[in-house]
Protein backbone atom coordinates (compact mmCIF):
# COMPACT_ATOMS: atom_id res chain seq x y z
CA MET A 1 -16.13 -17.56 -38.29
CA PRO A 2 -12.50 -17.69 -36.51
CA ASP A 3 -13.14 -18.59 -32.66
CA ARG A 4 -12.77 -15.60 -30.79
CA SER A 5 -13.12 -16.91 -27.36
CA PRO A 6 -10.08 -17.21 -25.01
CA GLN A 7 -7.13 -19.60 -25.54
CA PRO A 8 -6.05 -21.37 -22.47
CA SER A 9 -2.46 -21.95 -22.18
CA VAL A 10 -0.73 -23.81 -19.29
CA SER A 11 3.23 -23.28 -18.53
CA GLY A 12 5.24 -26.85 -18.07
CA SER A 13 7.82 -25.18 -16.94
CA TYR A 14 7.40 -22.70 -15.19
CA GLY A 15 3.82 -23.56 -12.99
CA PHE A 16 1.07 -21.50 -14.29
CA GLU A 17 -1.81 -20.77 -16.49
CA LEU A 18 -3.18 -17.68 -18.63
CA ASP A 19 -6.03 -17.24 -20.99
CA LEU A 20 -4.64 -15.90 -24.33
CA PRO A 21 -6.41 -13.07 -26.37
CA PRO A 22 -7.81 -14.92 -29.77
CA ASP A 23 -4.86 -14.96 -32.48
CA TRP A 24 -1.95 -15.13 -29.80
CA ARG A 25 0.63 -18.05 -29.78
CA ALA A 26 2.55 -19.27 -27.17
CA HIS A 27 6.52 -20.20 -27.56
CA PRO A 28 7.32 -22.72 -24.64
CA ALA A 29 10.64 -21.87 -22.88
CA THR A 30 13.02 -24.44 -24.31
CA ALA A 31 15.68 -24.28 -21.48
CA THR A 32 15.58 -22.87 -17.37
CA TRP A 33 16.17 -19.90 -16.37
CA VAL A 34 18.54 -19.56 -14.18
CA SER A 35 20.88 -16.49 -14.94
CA GLY A 36 18.20 -14.10 -13.37
CA ARG A 37 18.16 -11.24 -15.57
CA ILE A 38 16.69 -9.66 -18.67
CA GLU A 39 17.90 -10.97 -21.40
CA GLY A 40 15.66 -9.76 -24.44
CA ARG A 41 12.35 -9.78 -25.23
CA CYS A 42 11.52 -13.07 -25.78
CA PRO A 43 14.69 -15.52 -24.63
CA PRO A 44 14.69 -19.72 -24.73
CA ALA A 45 14.05 -19.85 -21.07
CA TRP A 46 11.00 -17.94 -21.17
CA ASP A 47 7.70 -18.40 -21.44
CA CYS A 48 6.75 -16.32 -24.70
CA PHE A 49 3.12 -15.34 -25.98
CA SER A 50 2.85 -12.94 -29.28
CA ASP A 51 -0.20 -11.55 -31.25
CA ALA A 52 -0.39 -12.84 -34.56
CA ARG A 53 2.08 -9.84 -36.09
CA ASP A 54 4.79 -10.53 -32.87
CA ALA A 55 4.45 -6.94 -32.13
CA LEU A 56 3.16 -7.43 -28.25
CA THR A 57 4.75 -10.40 -26.44
CA LEU A 58 3.96 -11.04 -22.64
CA ALA A 59 7.41 -13.35 -21.55
CA VAL A 60 7.25 -15.19 -18.08
CA ALA A 61 9.69 -17.11 -16.15
CA ALA A 62 10.58 -18.06 -12.76
CA MET A 63 13.35 -19.15 -10.63
CA ASP A 64 14.12 -20.34 -7.00
CA VAL A 65 14.82 -17.71 -4.67
CA GLY A 66 14.17 -19.13 -1.01
CA GLU A 67 13.37 -16.12 1.45
CA VAL A 68 13.68 -13.14 -0.58
CA THR A 69 11.40 -10.35 0.10
CA LEU A 70 9.53 -8.94 -3.38
CA GLY A 71 10.63 -5.74 -2.93
CA ALA A 72 14.54 -7.32 -2.62
CA TRP A 73 13.47 -9.59 -5.85
CA GLN A 74 12.61 -6.19 -7.76
CA GLU A 75 15.64 -4.62 -7.05
CA ARG A 76 17.13 -7.76 -8.33
CA VAL A 77 15.43 -7.79 -11.35
CA ASP A 78 15.50 -4.26 -12.02
CA ARG A 79 19.27 -4.19 -11.90
CA SER A 80 19.48 -7.23 -14.46
CA ARG A 81 18.12 -4.68 -17.49
CA PRO A 82 20.20 -4.23 -19.62
CA ALA A 83 21.39 -0.50 -20.70
CA ILE A 84 19.50 0.79 -23.38
CA CYS A 85 16.47 0.59 -21.07
CA SER A 86 14.61 2.44 -17.82
CA ASN A 87 12.48 2.46 -15.96
CA THR A 88 10.12 5.52 -16.96
CA ALA A 89 8.01 5.22 -13.55
CA PRO A 90 8.69 3.68 -9.61
CA PRO A 91 6.71 0.28 -8.80
CA THR A 92 3.58 0.18 -7.82
CA GLU A 93 1.78 -2.34 -6.00
CA THR A 94 -0.95 -4.54 -7.58
CA THR A 95 -1.37 -8.79 -7.46
CA LEU A 96 -0.85 -11.74 -9.29
CA ASP A 97 -3.14 -14.69 -8.65
CA GLY A 98 -3.90 -13.06 -5.24
CA GLU A 99 0.31 -13.22 -4.34
CA HIS A 100 1.14 -8.96 -3.95
CA ALA A 101 3.31 -8.17 -6.73
CA LEU A 102 4.77 -5.14 -8.25
CA ARG A 103 4.72 -3.38 -11.88
CA TRP A 104 6.23 -0.35 -13.41
CA PRO A 105 7.12 0.91 -16.38
CA VAL A 106 10.22 0.55 -19.01
CA ASP A 107 11.49 3.00 -22.01
CA CYS A 108 14.03 1.05 -24.33
CA PRO A 109 13.92 4.07 -26.62
CA SER A 110 16.60 2.49 -29.35
CA GLU A 111 14.95 -0.06 -29.38
CA GLY A 112 11.81 1.13 -30.33
CA LEU A 113 9.97 -1.06 -27.28
CA ARG A 114 8.40 -0.16 -24.05
CA ALA A 115 7.25 -2.66 -21.75
CA VAL A 116 5.59 -3.52 -18.53
CA ASP A 117 7.46 -5.67 -15.84
CA LEU A 118 5.85 -7.20 -12.60
CA VAL A 119 7.57 -9.16 -10.39
CA ALA A 120 6.09 -11.61 -7.42
CA VAL A 121 6.80 -14.39 -5.10
CA HIS A 122 4.75 -17.31 -4.52
CA ARG A 123 6.18 -20.39 -2.12
CA GLY A 124 9.56 -19.98 -3.10
CA ARG A 125 9.95 -18.41 -6.28
CA GLY A 126 9.92 -15.50 -7.98
CA TYR A 127 8.10 -14.37 -11.21
CA VAL A 128 9.10 -12.24 -13.89
CA LEU A 129 7.08 -11.02 -16.88
CA ILE A 130 6.91 -8.18 -19.42
CA LEU A 131 4.48 -7.67 -21.83
CA ALA A 132 6.75 -5.67 -24.57
CA SER A 133 5.33 -3.54 -26.92
CA PRO A 134 6.20 -1.09 -30.23
CA SER A 135 6.76 2.60 -28.62
CA SER A 136 4.49 3.61 -30.43
CA VAL A 137 1.08 1.24 -29.09
CA GLY A 138 -0.69 3.77 -26.32
CA ASP A 139 -0.50 3.88 -22.36
CA GLU A 140 -4.51 2.71 -22.29
CA GLU A 141 -3.91 -0.50 -24.91
CA ILE A 142 -1.40 -1.80 -23.22
CA ARG A 143 -2.55 -1.07 -19.42
CA GLU A 144 -6.35 -2.81 -20.81
CA LEU A 145 -3.98 -6.12 -22.02
CA LEU A 146 -1.68 -6.82 -19.56
CA ASP A 147 -4.74 -5.75 -16.76
CA SER A 148 -7.11 -8.78 -18.66
CA LEU A 149 -3.83 -11.34 -19.42
CA LEU A 150 -3.09 -10.94 -15.76
CA ALA A 151 -6.85 -11.23 -14.45
CA THR A 152 -6.97 -14.75 -16.41
CA PHE A 153 -3.37 -15.42 -14.74
CA HIS A 154 -3.34 -18.92 -11.71
CA PHE A 155 -0.70 -20.56 -10.61
CA ALA A 156 -0.66 -23.92 -11.49
CA PRO A 157 -2.25 -26.20 -8.44
CA GLN A 158 0.82 -27.83 -7.37
CA HIS A 159 2.38 -24.69 -6.96
CA ARG A 160 -0.83 -22.96 -4.53
């Protein structure tokens, strides 16, 4: 019988760890994220995690942002989004490993994708998490999946 327990994954690039659902794979970043831009579903400078079908993808990146406020970081990230995508609701407050965070839904109809974006600022680093899915995946499934992933997200000890 296959192991159905969560799989711990540690980011060597961005100082976090999380537990992946069974049948998910990790694709570590192969470059450093310096642009501060949203650059597609799983660019090489992002840590990406995907299900066995590659239908669902969690992409995570971080960069030094100094003393920026959470609101300013969210606006910067949001302005960097490709023009083919748009927010479907305003950001709502949440937390990421105890840090204040903002999350909001995004729709990219011409790509057949939608996403939930989340930003946080931790120790002078701006973090971006994007859970992308085909438009056919239901809101409740996406919310439950993101909540379960966020519940296991922790900044690595050297970044706490």
